[in-house]
């Protein structure tokens, strides 16, 4: 727990809402026993982290690198963690100028961060192996992803427009396909 307390105090000294982790490139400090489960729960040494403020703080210093691994970063430390599915969950979507050409979709995550669905932060839909169950995700800053909750995905389907057998939504001038309509 010493690591958690030291990290919290380092971030309390700065504006933890948006640390400049893109500028931080310390050497690997090692692995830390932090795990993000598929349902979005964070665990440290096998114990669920119940303090949402701590989860939010950790998410603000989380980065996925080109090796596919996830790291918690400070200016001088880099700790590898385990992410089972996606780092965050998209739990809400707010639509501005709904139904218009200028429509924008803003997703809110389980740590209250927000991202505009756009070319920079696209929607991706894959399917779980061996099934037709969709696995929709949105890219977030620092190459992490958020899985869309079932309710958020259904909201997108409700907002979708059908064209030539394909459902799609538009946000920030970009069309995002949700999938084909089955006959």
N, C-alpha and C. Protein backbone atom coordinates (compact mmCIF):
# COMPACT_ATOMS: atom_id res chain seq x y z
N UNK A 1 0.82 -1.19 0.00
CA UNK A 1 0.00 0.00 0.00
C UNK A 1 0.87 1.26 0.00
N UNK A 2 2.14 1.11 0.34
CA UNK A 2 3.04 2.26 0.36
C UNK A 2 3.08 2.92 -1.02
N UNK A 3 3.14 2.11 -2.08
CA UNK A 3 3.16 2.65 -3.44
C UNK A 3 1.93 3.51 -3.70
N UNK A 4 0.76 3.04 -3.29
CA UNK A 4 -0.48 3.77 -3.53
C UNK A 4 -0.47 5.11 -2.82
N UNK A 5 -0.02 5.13 -1.57
CA UNK A 5 0.01 6.38 -0.80
C UNK A 5 1.02 7.37 -1.38
N UNK A 6 2.20 6.88 -1.80
CA UNK A 6 3.20 7.75 -2.40
C UNK A 6 2.70 8.33 -3.71
N UNK A 7 2.06 7.49 -4.52
CA UNK A 7 1.53 7.95 -5.79
C UNK A 7 0.44 8.98 -5.58
N UNK A 8 -0.44 8.74 -4.64
CA UNK A 8 -1.51 9.70 -4.34
C UNK A 8 -0.93 11.04 -3.93
N UNK A 9 0.09 11.04 -3.09
CA UNK A 9 0.66 12.31 -2.63
C UNK A 9 1.37 13.03 -3.77
N UNK A 10 2.03 12.30 -4.68
CA UNK A 10 2.67 12.93 -5.84
C UNK A 10 1.63 13.61 -6.71
N UNK A 11 0.53 12.96 -6.94
CA UNK A 11 -0.50 13.52 -7.81
C UNK A 11 -1.29 14.62 -7.15
N UNK A 12 -1.42 14.57 -5.83
CA UNK A 12 -2.12 15.64 -5.12
C UNK A 12 -1.41 16.98 -5.28
N UNK A 13 -0.09 16.91 -5.50
CA UNK A 13 0.70 18.13 -5.66
C UNK A 13 0.47 18.77 -7.02
N UNK A 14 -0.06 18.02 -7.97
CA UNK A 14 -0.28 18.51 -9.33
C UNK A 14 -1.77 18.49 -9.64
N UNK A 15 -2.12 18.96 -10.83
CA UNK A 15 -3.49 18.85 -11.31
C UNK A 15 -3.67 17.43 -11.84
N UNK A 16 -4.24 16.56 -11.03
CA UNK A 16 -4.35 15.15 -11.39
C UNK A 16 -5.41 14.88 -12.44
N UNK A 17 -6.21 15.87 -12.81
CA UNK A 17 -7.26 15.62 -13.78
C UNK A 17 -6.69 15.30 -15.15
N UNK A 18 -5.53 15.80 -15.47
CA UNK A 18 -4.97 15.59 -16.79
C UNK A 18 -3.45 15.69 -16.75
N UNK A 19 -2.79 14.77 -16.08
CA UNK A 19 -1.33 14.82 -16.02
C UNK A 19 -0.72 14.63 -17.42
N UNK A 20 0.42 15.22 -17.69
CA UNK A 20 1.03 15.12 -19.02
C UNK A 20 1.80 13.81 -19.22
N UNK A 21 1.08 12.69 -19.13
CA UNK A 21 1.79 11.40 -19.20
C UNK A 21 2.41 11.14 -20.56
N UNK A 22 1.96 11.85 -21.59
CA UNK A 22 2.58 11.71 -22.91
C UNK A 22 4.03 12.21 -22.90
N UNK A 23 4.39 12.98 -21.89
CA UNK A 23 5.76 13.49 -21.76
C UNK A 23 6.62 12.62 -20.85
N UNK A 24 6.00 11.69 -20.16
CA UNK A 24 6.72 10.88 -19.19
C UNK A 24 7.18 9.58 -19.83
N UNK A 25 8.49 9.32 -19.76
CA UNK A 25 9.05 8.10 -20.34
C UNK A 25 10.10 7.48 -19.42
N UNK A 26 9.71 7.17 -18.18
CA UNK A 26 10.67 6.55 -17.27
C UNK A 26 10.92 5.09 -17.66
N UNK A 27 12.00 4.54 -17.16
CA UNK A 27 12.27 3.11 -17.34
C UNK A 27 11.26 2.31 -16.54
N UNK A 28 11.06 1.07 -16.95
CA UNK A 28 10.14 0.18 -16.25
C UNK A 28 10.61 -0.05 -14.82
N UNK A 29 9.71 0.21 -13.88
CA UNK A 29 10.01 -0.02 -12.47
C UNK A 29 9.69 -1.46 -12.09
N UNK A 30 8.82 -2.11 -12.84
CA UNK A 30 8.44 -3.49 -12.57
C UNK A 30 6.95 -3.69 -12.72
N UNK A 31 6.49 -4.80 -12.20
CA UNK A 31 5.07 -5.12 -12.22
C UNK A 31 4.49 -4.78 -10.86
N UNK A 32 3.26 -4.30 -10.86
CA UNK A 32 2.56 -4.05 -9.61
C UNK A 32 1.26 -4.85 -9.67
N UNK A 33 0.86 -5.38 -8.56
CA UNK A 33 -0.32 -6.25 -8.51
C UNK A 33 -1.61 -5.42 -8.53
N UNK A 34 -1.84 -4.78 -9.67
CA UNK A 34 -3.10 -4.09 -9.93
C UNK A 34 -3.70 -4.73 -11.16
N UNK A 35 -5.00 -5.01 -11.05
CA UNK A 35 -5.70 -5.71 -12.12
C UNK A 35 -7.05 -5.03 -12.35
N UNK A 36 -7.36 -4.79 -13.62
CA UNK A 36 -8.67 -4.25 -13.99
C UNK A 36 -9.46 -5.39 -14.62
N UNK A 37 -10.54 -5.76 -13.95
CA UNK A 37 -11.37 -6.86 -14.44
C UNK A 37 -12.26 -6.40 -15.60
N UNK A 38 -12.85 -7.35 -16.30
CA UNK A 38 -13.69 -7.05 -17.47
C UNK A 38 -14.90 -6.19 -17.12
N UNK A 39 -15.36 -6.26 -15.88
CA UNK A 39 -16.52 -5.45 -15.47
C UNK A 39 -16.13 -4.05 -15.00
N UNK A 40 -14.84 -3.70 -15.09
CA UNK A 40 -14.37 -2.37 -14.72
C UNK A 40 -13.89 -2.23 -13.30
N UNK A 41 -13.97 -3.29 -12.50
CA UNK A 41 -13.49 -3.23 -11.12
C UNK A 41 -11.96 -3.27 -11.10
N UNK A 42 -11.37 -2.45 -10.24
CA UNK A 42 -9.92 -2.40 -10.07
C UNK A 42 -9.57 -3.11 -8.76
N UNK A 43 -8.50 -3.91 -8.80
CA UNK A 43 -8.04 -4.66 -7.64
C UNK A 43 -6.56 -4.38 -7.41
N UNK A 44 -6.18 -4.28 -6.14
CA UNK A 44 -4.78 -4.16 -5.75
C UNK A 44 -4.49 -5.29 -4.77
N UNK A 45 -3.53 -6.13 -5.11
CA UNK A 45 -3.16 -7.29 -4.31
C UNK A 45 -4.39 -8.13 -3.98
N UNK A 46 -5.28 -8.29 -4.96
CA UNK A 46 -6.46 -9.14 -4.82
C UNK A 46 -7.63 -8.51 -4.10
N UNK A 47 -7.49 -7.28 -3.64
CA UNK A 47 -8.55 -6.59 -2.91
C UNK A 47 -9.13 -5.49 -3.80
N UNK A 48 -10.45 -5.48 -3.92
CA UNK A 48 -11.09 -4.48 -4.75
C UNK A 48 -10.83 -3.08 -4.19
N UNK A 49 -10.46 -2.17 -5.09
CA UNK A 49 -10.27 -0.77 -4.71
C UNK A 49 -11.65 -0.14 -4.68
N UNK A 50 -12.12 0.19 -3.49
CA UNK A 50 -13.47 0.71 -3.31
C UNK A 50 -13.53 2.23 -3.46
N UNK A 51 -12.41 2.90 -3.24
CA UNK A 51 -12.40 4.36 -3.33
C UNK A 51 -12.38 4.80 -4.79
N UNK A 52 -13.52 5.31 -5.27
CA UNK A 52 -13.64 5.75 -6.66
C UNK A 52 -12.63 6.84 -7.00
N UNK A 53 -12.31 7.69 -6.04
CA UNK A 53 -11.32 8.76 -6.28
C UNK A 53 -9.95 8.16 -6.61
N UNK A 54 -9.60 7.06 -5.98
CA UNK A 54 -8.33 6.41 -6.25
C UNK A 54 -8.33 5.76 -7.64
N UNK A 55 -9.44 5.12 -8.01
CA UNK A 55 -9.56 4.53 -9.35
C UNK A 55 -9.46 5.64 -10.40
N UNK A 56 -10.13 6.74 -10.16
CA UNK A 56 -10.09 7.87 -11.10
C UNK A 56 -8.67 8.41 -11.23
N UNK A 57 -7.97 8.53 -10.11
CA UNK A 57 -6.59 9.01 -10.14
C UNK A 57 -5.71 8.05 -10.93
N UNK A 58 -5.84 6.74 -10.68
CA UNK A 58 -5.05 5.76 -11.43
C UNK A 58 -5.34 5.85 -12.92
N UNK A 59 -6.62 5.98 -13.27
CA UNK A 59 -6.96 6.02 -14.69
C UNK A 59 -6.34 7.24 -15.38
N UNK A 60 -6.09 8.30 -14.63
CA UNK A 60 -5.50 9.51 -15.22
C UNK A 60 -4.02 9.35 -15.54
N UNK A 61 -3.39 8.31 -15.02
CA UNK A 61 -1.96 8.07 -15.30
C UNK A 61 -1.75 6.72 -15.98
N UNK A 62 -2.79 6.23 -16.61
CA UNK A 62 -2.74 4.93 -17.29
C UNK A 62 -2.47 5.13 -18.77
N UNK A 63 -1.55 4.34 -19.30
CA UNK A 63 -1.21 4.40 -20.72
C UNK A 63 -1.01 2.98 -21.25
N UNK A 64 -1.48 2.76 -22.47
CA UNK A 64 -1.20 1.50 -23.17
C UNK A 64 -0.13 1.80 -24.20
N UNK A 65 0.89 0.97 -24.21
CA UNK A 65 2.01 1.22 -25.11
C UNK A 65 1.99 0.26 -26.28
N UNK A 66 2.91 0.46 -27.21
CA UNK A 66 2.93 -0.31 -28.45
C UNK A 66 3.11 -1.81 -28.22
N UNK A 67 3.60 -2.21 -27.05
CA UNK A 67 3.75 -3.63 -26.74
C UNK A 67 2.42 -4.26 -26.30
N UNK A 68 1.35 -3.43 -26.24
CA UNK A 68 0.03 -3.91 -25.84
C UNK A 68 -0.18 -3.97 -24.34
N UNK A 69 0.84 -3.63 -23.58
CA UNK A 69 0.76 -3.66 -22.12
C UNK A 69 0.27 -2.32 -21.59
N UNK A 70 -0.28 -2.36 -20.37
CA UNK A 70 -0.78 -1.17 -19.69
C UNK A 70 0.16 -0.81 -18.56
N UNK A 71 0.38 0.51 -18.41
CA UNK A 71 1.32 1.00 -17.41
C UNK A 71 0.72 2.18 -16.65
N UNK A 72 0.99 2.22 -15.35
CA UNK A 72 0.74 3.40 -14.54
C UNK A 72 2.04 4.18 -14.51
N UNK A 73 1.95 5.49 -14.76
CA UNK A 73 3.16 6.30 -14.91
C UNK A 73 3.19 7.48 -13.95
N UNK A 74 4.39 7.79 -13.51
CA UNK A 74 4.69 9.06 -12.87
C UNK A 74 5.90 9.59 -13.65
N UNK A 75 6.35 10.78 -13.36
CA UNK A 75 7.54 11.26 -14.10
C UNK A 75 8.76 10.36 -13.93
N UNK A 76 8.84 9.61 -12.83
CA UNK A 76 10.03 8.81 -12.57
C UNK A 76 9.77 7.31 -12.42
N UNK A 77 8.51 6.88 -12.48
CA UNK A 77 8.20 5.46 -12.32
C UNK A 77 7.24 4.99 -13.41
N UNK A 78 7.36 3.70 -13.72
CA UNK A 78 6.50 3.07 -14.72
C UNK A 78 6.22 1.65 -14.23
N UNK A 79 4.94 1.39 -13.91
CA UNK A 79 4.54 0.11 -13.34
C UNK A 79 3.55 -0.59 -14.28
N UNK A 80 3.87 -1.82 -14.65
CA UNK A 80 2.98 -2.60 -15.52
C UNK A 80 1.85 -3.19 -14.68
N UNK A 81 0.62 -3.11 -15.23
CA UNK A 81 -0.55 -3.69 -14.58
C UNK A 81 -1.24 -4.65 -15.54
N UNK A 82 -2.24 -5.35 -15.06
CA UNK A 82 -3.00 -6.31 -15.88
C UNK A 82 -4.39 -5.72 -16.16
N UNK A 83 -4.76 -5.73 -17.43
CA UNK A 83 -6.10 -5.32 -17.84
C UNK A 83 -6.72 -6.52 -18.56
N UNK A 84 -7.82 -7.04 -18.01
CA UNK A 84 -8.43 -8.25 -18.54
C UNK A 84 -9.08 -8.02 -19.90
N UNK A 85 -9.82 -6.91 -20.03
CA UNK A 85 -10.54 -6.64 -21.29
C UNK A 85 -10.23 -5.23 -21.76
N UNK A 86 -10.92 -4.25 -21.21
CA UNK A 86 -10.63 -2.85 -21.51
C UNK A 86 -10.36 -2.14 -20.18
N UNK A 87 -9.66 -1.02 -20.28
CA UNK A 87 -9.30 -0.30 -19.07
C UNK A 87 -10.50 0.37 -18.40
N UNK A 88 -11.43 0.86 -19.23
CA UNK A 88 -12.58 1.59 -18.69
C UNK A 88 -13.86 1.11 -19.34
N UNK A 89 -14.97 1.62 -18.83
CA UNK A 89 -16.29 1.33 -19.39
C UNK A 89 -16.94 2.65 -19.80
N UNK A 90 -17.59 2.66 -20.96
CA UNK A 90 -18.40 3.82 -21.36
C UNK A 90 -19.79 3.57 -20.81
N UNK A 91 -20.20 4.42 -19.88
CA UNK A 91 -21.46 4.18 -19.17
C UNK A 91 -22.58 5.12 -19.60
N UNK A 92 -22.26 6.12 -20.43
CA UNK A 92 -23.29 7.04 -20.89
C UNK A 92 -22.84 7.66 -22.20
N UNK A 93 -23.82 8.09 -22.99
CA UNK A 93 -23.54 8.83 -24.21
C UNK A 93 -24.52 9.99 -24.27
N UNK A 94 -23.98 11.16 -24.55
CA UNK A 94 -24.80 12.37 -24.68
C UNK A 94 -24.67 12.82 -26.14
N UNK A 95 -25.81 13.08 -26.77
CA UNK A 95 -25.82 13.44 -28.18
C UNK A 95 -26.18 14.91 -28.32
N UNK A 96 -25.29 15.66 -28.96
CA UNK A 96 -25.53 17.07 -29.24
C UNK A 96 -26.02 17.20 -30.68
N UNK A 97 -27.02 18.02 -30.90
CA UNK A 97 -27.60 18.25 -32.22
C UNK A 97 -28.07 16.94 -32.86
N UNK A 98 -28.78 16.16 -32.06
CA UNK A 98 -29.23 14.82 -32.49
C UNK A 98 -29.96 14.87 -33.82
N UNK A 99 -29.60 13.96 -34.71
CA UNK A 99 -30.25 13.81 -36.00
C UNK A 99 -29.80 14.80 -37.06
N UNK A 100 -28.93 15.72 -36.69
CA UNK A 100 -28.45 16.70 -37.66
C UNK A 100 -27.08 16.29 -38.18
N UNK A 101 -26.68 16.91 -39.26
CA UNK A 101 -25.39 16.59 -39.87
C UNK A 101 -24.23 16.90 -38.92
N UNK A 102 -24.41 17.89 -38.05
CA UNK A 102 -23.36 18.29 -37.11
C UNK A 102 -23.41 17.48 -35.80
N UNK A 103 -24.17 16.39 -35.79
CA UNK A 103 -24.34 15.59 -34.57
C UNK A 103 -23.00 15.20 -33.96
N UNK A 104 -22.93 15.27 -32.64
CA UNK A 104 -21.73 14.86 -31.91
C UNK A 104 -22.15 13.95 -30.76
N UNK A 105 -21.39 12.88 -30.55
CA UNK A 105 -21.66 11.94 -29.47
C UNK A 105 -20.51 12.00 -28.48
N UNK A 106 -20.85 12.30 -27.24
CA UNK A 106 -19.85 12.41 -26.19
C UNK A 106 -20.09 11.28 -25.20
N UNK A 107 -19.08 10.43 -25.03
CA UNK A 107 -19.17 9.29 -24.13
C UNK A 107 -18.58 9.65 -22.77
N UNK A 108 -19.22 9.17 -21.72
CA UNK A 108 -18.73 9.34 -20.36
C UNK A 108 -18.33 7.96 -19.84
N UNK A 109 -17.16 7.89 -19.20
CA UNK A 109 -16.66 6.61 -18.69
C UNK A 109 -17.02 6.44 -17.22
N UNK A 110 -16.71 5.28 -16.71
CA UNK A 110 -16.94 4.96 -15.31
C UNK A 110 -16.07 5.76 -14.35
N UNK A 111 -15.09 6.52 -14.86
CA UNK A 111 -14.29 7.41 -14.02
C UNK A 111 -14.59 8.88 -14.35
N UNK A 112 -15.73 9.09 -15.01
CA UNK A 112 -16.24 10.42 -15.34
C UNK A 112 -15.39 11.19 -16.35
N UNK A 113 -14.50 10.51 -17.07
CA UNK A 113 -13.82 11.18 -18.17
C UNK A 113 -14.76 11.18 -19.37
N UNK A 114 -14.55 12.13 -20.27
CA UNK A 114 -15.41 12.22 -21.44
C UNK A 114 -14.57 12.28 -22.70
N UNK A 115 -15.14 11.73 -23.79
CA UNK A 115 -14.46 11.74 -25.07
C UNK A 115 -15.49 11.89 -26.18
N UNK A 116 -15.14 12.67 -27.19
CA UNK A 116 -15.99 12.88 -28.35
C UNK A 116 -15.70 11.79 -29.37
N UNK A 117 -16.72 11.06 -29.77
CA UNK A 117 -16.58 10.06 -30.83
C UNK A 117 -16.19 10.80 -32.10
N UNK A 118 -15.02 10.46 -32.65
CA UNK A 118 -14.46 11.20 -33.78
C UNK A 118 -13.41 10.35 -34.47
N UNK A 119 -12.79 10.91 -35.49
CA UNK A 119 -11.68 10.22 -36.15
C UNK A 119 -10.55 9.92 -35.18
N UNK A 120 -10.30 10.83 -34.24
CA UNK A 120 -9.22 10.64 -33.27
C UNK A 120 -9.58 9.60 -32.22
N UNK A 121 -10.86 9.50 -31.89
CA UNK A 121 -11.32 8.58 -30.86
C UNK A 121 -12.48 7.76 -31.44
N UNK A 122 -12.14 6.78 -32.30
CA UNK A 122 -13.17 6.04 -33.04
C UNK A 122 -13.82 4.91 -32.24
N UNK A 123 -14.94 4.50 -32.78
CA UNK A 123 -15.69 3.34 -32.29
C UNK A 123 -15.22 2.12 -33.05
N UNK A 124 -15.08 1.02 -32.35
CA UNK A 124 -14.70 -0.25 -32.98
C UNK A 124 -15.63 -1.33 -32.46
N UNK A 125 -16.13 -2.14 -33.37
CA UNK A 125 -16.99 -3.25 -32.95
C UNK A 125 -16.41 -4.55 -33.47
N UNK A 126 -16.05 -5.39 -32.53
CA UNK A 126 -15.61 -6.74 -32.86
C UNK A 126 -16.65 -7.69 -32.28
N UNK A 127 -16.45 -8.97 -32.50
CA UNK A 127 -17.38 -9.95 -31.96
C UNK A 127 -16.61 -10.95 -31.12
N UNK A 128 -17.24 -11.32 -30.01
CA UNK A 128 -16.60 -12.28 -29.11
C UNK A 128 -16.41 -13.59 -29.86
N UNK A 129 -15.27 -14.20 -29.62
CA UNK A 129 -14.90 -15.43 -30.31
C UNK A 129 -15.99 -16.50 -30.16
N UNK A 130 -16.39 -17.06 -31.30
CA UNK A 130 -17.36 -18.14 -31.30
C UNK A 130 -18.80 -17.69 -31.09
N UNK A 131 -19.05 -16.37 -31.14
CA UNK A 131 -20.42 -15.91 -30.95
C UNK A 131 -20.69 -14.70 -31.85
N UNK A 132 -21.93 -14.28 -31.84
CA UNK A 132 -22.31 -13.09 -32.58
C UNK A 132 -22.51 -11.91 -31.63
N UNK A 133 -22.06 -12.05 -30.40
CA UNK A 133 -22.21 -10.99 -29.42
C UNK A 133 -21.21 -9.86 -29.70
N UNK A 134 -21.71 -8.64 -29.92
CA UNK A 134 -20.80 -7.53 -30.22
C UNK A 134 -19.98 -7.12 -29.00
N UNK A 135 -18.80 -6.63 -29.29
CA UNK A 135 -17.89 -6.11 -28.27
C UNK A 135 -17.49 -4.70 -28.72
N UNK A 136 -18.36 -3.71 -28.45
CA UNK A 136 -18.08 -2.34 -28.90
C UNK A 136 -17.15 -1.60 -27.94
N UNK A 137 -16.17 -0.93 -28.50
CA UNK A 137 -15.22 -0.15 -27.70
C UNK A 137 -14.99 1.20 -28.37
N UNK A 138 -14.55 2.15 -27.57
CA UNK A 138 -14.15 3.44 -28.08
C UNK A 138 -12.73 3.71 -27.61
N UNK A 139 -11.92 4.23 -28.53
CA UNK A 139 -10.54 4.57 -28.19
C UNK A 139 -10.53 5.84 -27.36
N UNK A 140 -9.70 5.85 -26.35
CA UNK A 140 -9.54 6.99 -25.45
C UNK A 140 -8.11 7.52 -25.57
N UNK A 141 -7.83 8.67 -24.97
CA UNK A 141 -6.43 9.14 -24.98
C UNK A 141 -5.48 8.10 -24.38
N UNK A 142 -4.26 8.17 -24.81
CA UNK A 142 -3.17 7.32 -24.33
C UNK A 142 -3.36 5.86 -24.73
N UNK A 143 -4.11 5.64 -25.81
CA UNK A 143 -4.28 4.32 -26.43
C UNK A 143 -5.01 3.31 -25.56
N UNK A 144 -5.77 3.80 -24.59
CA UNK A 144 -6.59 2.88 -23.81
C UNK A 144 -7.99 2.85 -24.43
N UNK A 145 -8.77 1.86 -24.06
CA UNK A 145 -10.11 1.73 -24.61
C UNK A 145 -11.14 1.61 -23.50
N UNK A 146 -12.37 1.95 -23.87
CA UNK A 146 -13.50 1.79 -22.97
C UNK A 146 -14.52 0.91 -23.69
N UNK A 147 -14.98 -0.12 -23.00
CA UNK A 147 -16.04 -0.97 -23.54
C UNK A 147 -17.36 -0.27 -23.30
N UNK A 148 -18.22 -0.23 -24.32
CA UNK A 148 -19.54 0.37 -24.17
C UNK A 148 -20.43 -0.55 -23.36
N UNK A 149 -21.10 0.01 -22.36
CA UNK A 149 -22.06 -0.79 -21.61
C UNK A 149 -23.18 -1.21 -22.57
N UNK A 150 -23.89 -2.23 -22.21
CA UNK A 150 -24.99 -2.72 -23.05
C UNK A 150 -26.00 -1.60 -23.31
N UNK A 151 -26.35 -0.83 -22.27
CA UNK A 151 -27.32 0.25 -22.43
C UNK A 151 -26.82 1.31 -23.41
N UNK A 152 -25.54 1.66 -23.35
CA UNK A 152 -24.97 2.65 -24.26
C UNK A 152 -24.98 2.12 -25.69
N UNK A 153 -24.64 0.85 -25.86
CA UNK A 153 -24.65 0.28 -27.21
C UNK A 153 -26.08 0.26 -27.76
N UNK A 154 -27.04 -0.12 -26.94
CA UNK A 154 -28.44 -0.11 -27.39
C UNK A 154 -28.88 1.30 -27.75
N UNK A 155 -28.40 2.30 -27.03
CA UNK A 155 -28.72 3.69 -27.37
C UNK A 155 -28.17 4.03 -28.74
N UNK A 156 -26.95 3.58 -29.05
CA UNK A 156 -26.39 3.81 -30.38
C UNK A 156 -27.22 3.14 -31.46
N UNK A 157 -27.63 1.92 -31.19
CA UNK A 157 -28.46 1.20 -32.16
C UNK A 157 -29.77 1.97 -32.38
N UNK A 158 -30.33 2.50 -31.31
CA UNK A 158 -31.56 3.28 -31.41
C UNK A 158 -31.35 4.55 -32.25
N UNK A 159 -30.19 5.15 -32.17
CA UNK A 159 -29.86 6.36 -32.91
C UNK A 159 -29.40 6.08 -34.34
N UNK A 160 -29.11 4.82 -34.63
CA UNK A 160 -28.52 4.45 -35.92
C UNK A 160 -29.48 4.67 -37.09
N UNK A 161 -28.88 4.87 -38.22
CA UNK A 161 -29.60 5.01 -39.48
C UNK A 161 -29.24 3.78 -40.33
N UNK A 162 -30.25 3.23 -40.99
CA UNK A 162 -30.02 2.06 -41.86
C UNK A 162 -29.82 2.54 -43.29
N UNK A 163 -28.76 2.05 -43.91
CA UNK A 163 -28.49 2.35 -45.31
C UNK A 163 -27.88 1.12 -45.96
N UNK A 164 -28.59 0.59 -46.94
CA UNK A 164 -28.13 -0.59 -47.69
C UNK A 164 -27.80 -1.75 -46.76
N UNK A 165 -28.66 -1.98 -45.76
CA UNK A 165 -28.51 -3.11 -44.86
C UNK A 165 -27.49 -2.93 -43.76
N UNK A 166 -26.94 -1.72 -43.64
CA UNK A 166 -25.92 -1.45 -42.62
C UNK A 166 -26.44 -0.38 -41.67
N UNK A 167 -26.29 -0.62 -40.35
CA UNK A 167 -26.62 0.39 -39.35
C UNK A 167 -25.37 1.22 -39.05
N UNK A 168 -25.55 2.53 -39.00
CA UNK A 168 -24.42 3.39 -38.68
C UNK A 168 -24.89 4.63 -37.93
N UNK A 169 -23.95 5.24 -37.23
CA UNK A 169 -24.18 6.51 -36.55
C UNK A 169 -23.14 7.50 -37.05
N UNK A 170 -23.47 8.78 -36.90
CA UNK A 170 -22.55 9.84 -37.30
C UNK A 170 -22.20 10.66 -36.07
N UNK A 171 -20.92 10.96 -35.94
CA UNK A 171 -20.47 11.85 -34.88
C UNK A 171 -19.29 12.65 -35.39
N UNK A 172 -19.36 13.95 -35.19
CA UNK A 172 -18.28 14.85 -35.57
C UNK A 172 -17.91 14.71 -37.05
N UNK A 173 -18.91 14.44 -37.89
CA UNK A 173 -18.70 14.34 -39.33
C UNK A 173 -18.20 13.00 -39.83
N UNK A 174 -18.05 12.03 -38.96
CA UNK A 174 -17.56 10.71 -39.35
C UNK A 174 -18.66 9.67 -39.15
N UNK A 175 -18.77 8.75 -40.11
CA UNK A 175 -19.75 7.67 -40.03
C UNK A 175 -19.08 6.47 -39.37
N UNK A 176 -19.77 5.90 -38.39
CA UNK A 176 -19.28 4.71 -37.68
C UNK A 176 -20.30 3.59 -37.87
N UNK A 177 -19.86 2.50 -38.47
CA UNK A 177 -20.76 1.37 -38.71
C UNK A 177 -20.92 0.53 -37.46
N UNK A 178 -22.19 0.17 -37.19
CA UNK A 178 -22.48 -0.69 -36.04
C UNK A 178 -22.61 -2.15 -36.46
N UNK A 179 -23.01 -2.38 -37.70
CA UNK A 179 -23.13 -3.75 -38.18
C UNK A 179 -24.25 -3.89 -39.19
N UNK A 180 -24.28 -5.07 -39.78
CA UNK A 180 -25.31 -5.38 -40.77
C UNK A 180 -26.60 -5.78 -40.09
N UNK A 181 -27.69 -5.47 -40.78
CA UNK A 181 -29.01 -5.89 -40.31
C UNK A 181 -29.24 -7.30 -40.81
N UNK A 182 -29.55 -8.21 -39.88
CA UNK A 182 -29.84 -9.60 -40.27
C UNK A 182 -31.24 -9.68 -40.85
N UNK A 183 -31.39 -10.55 -41.82
CA UNK A 183 -32.71 -10.78 -42.41
C UNK A 183 -33.50 -11.75 -41.58
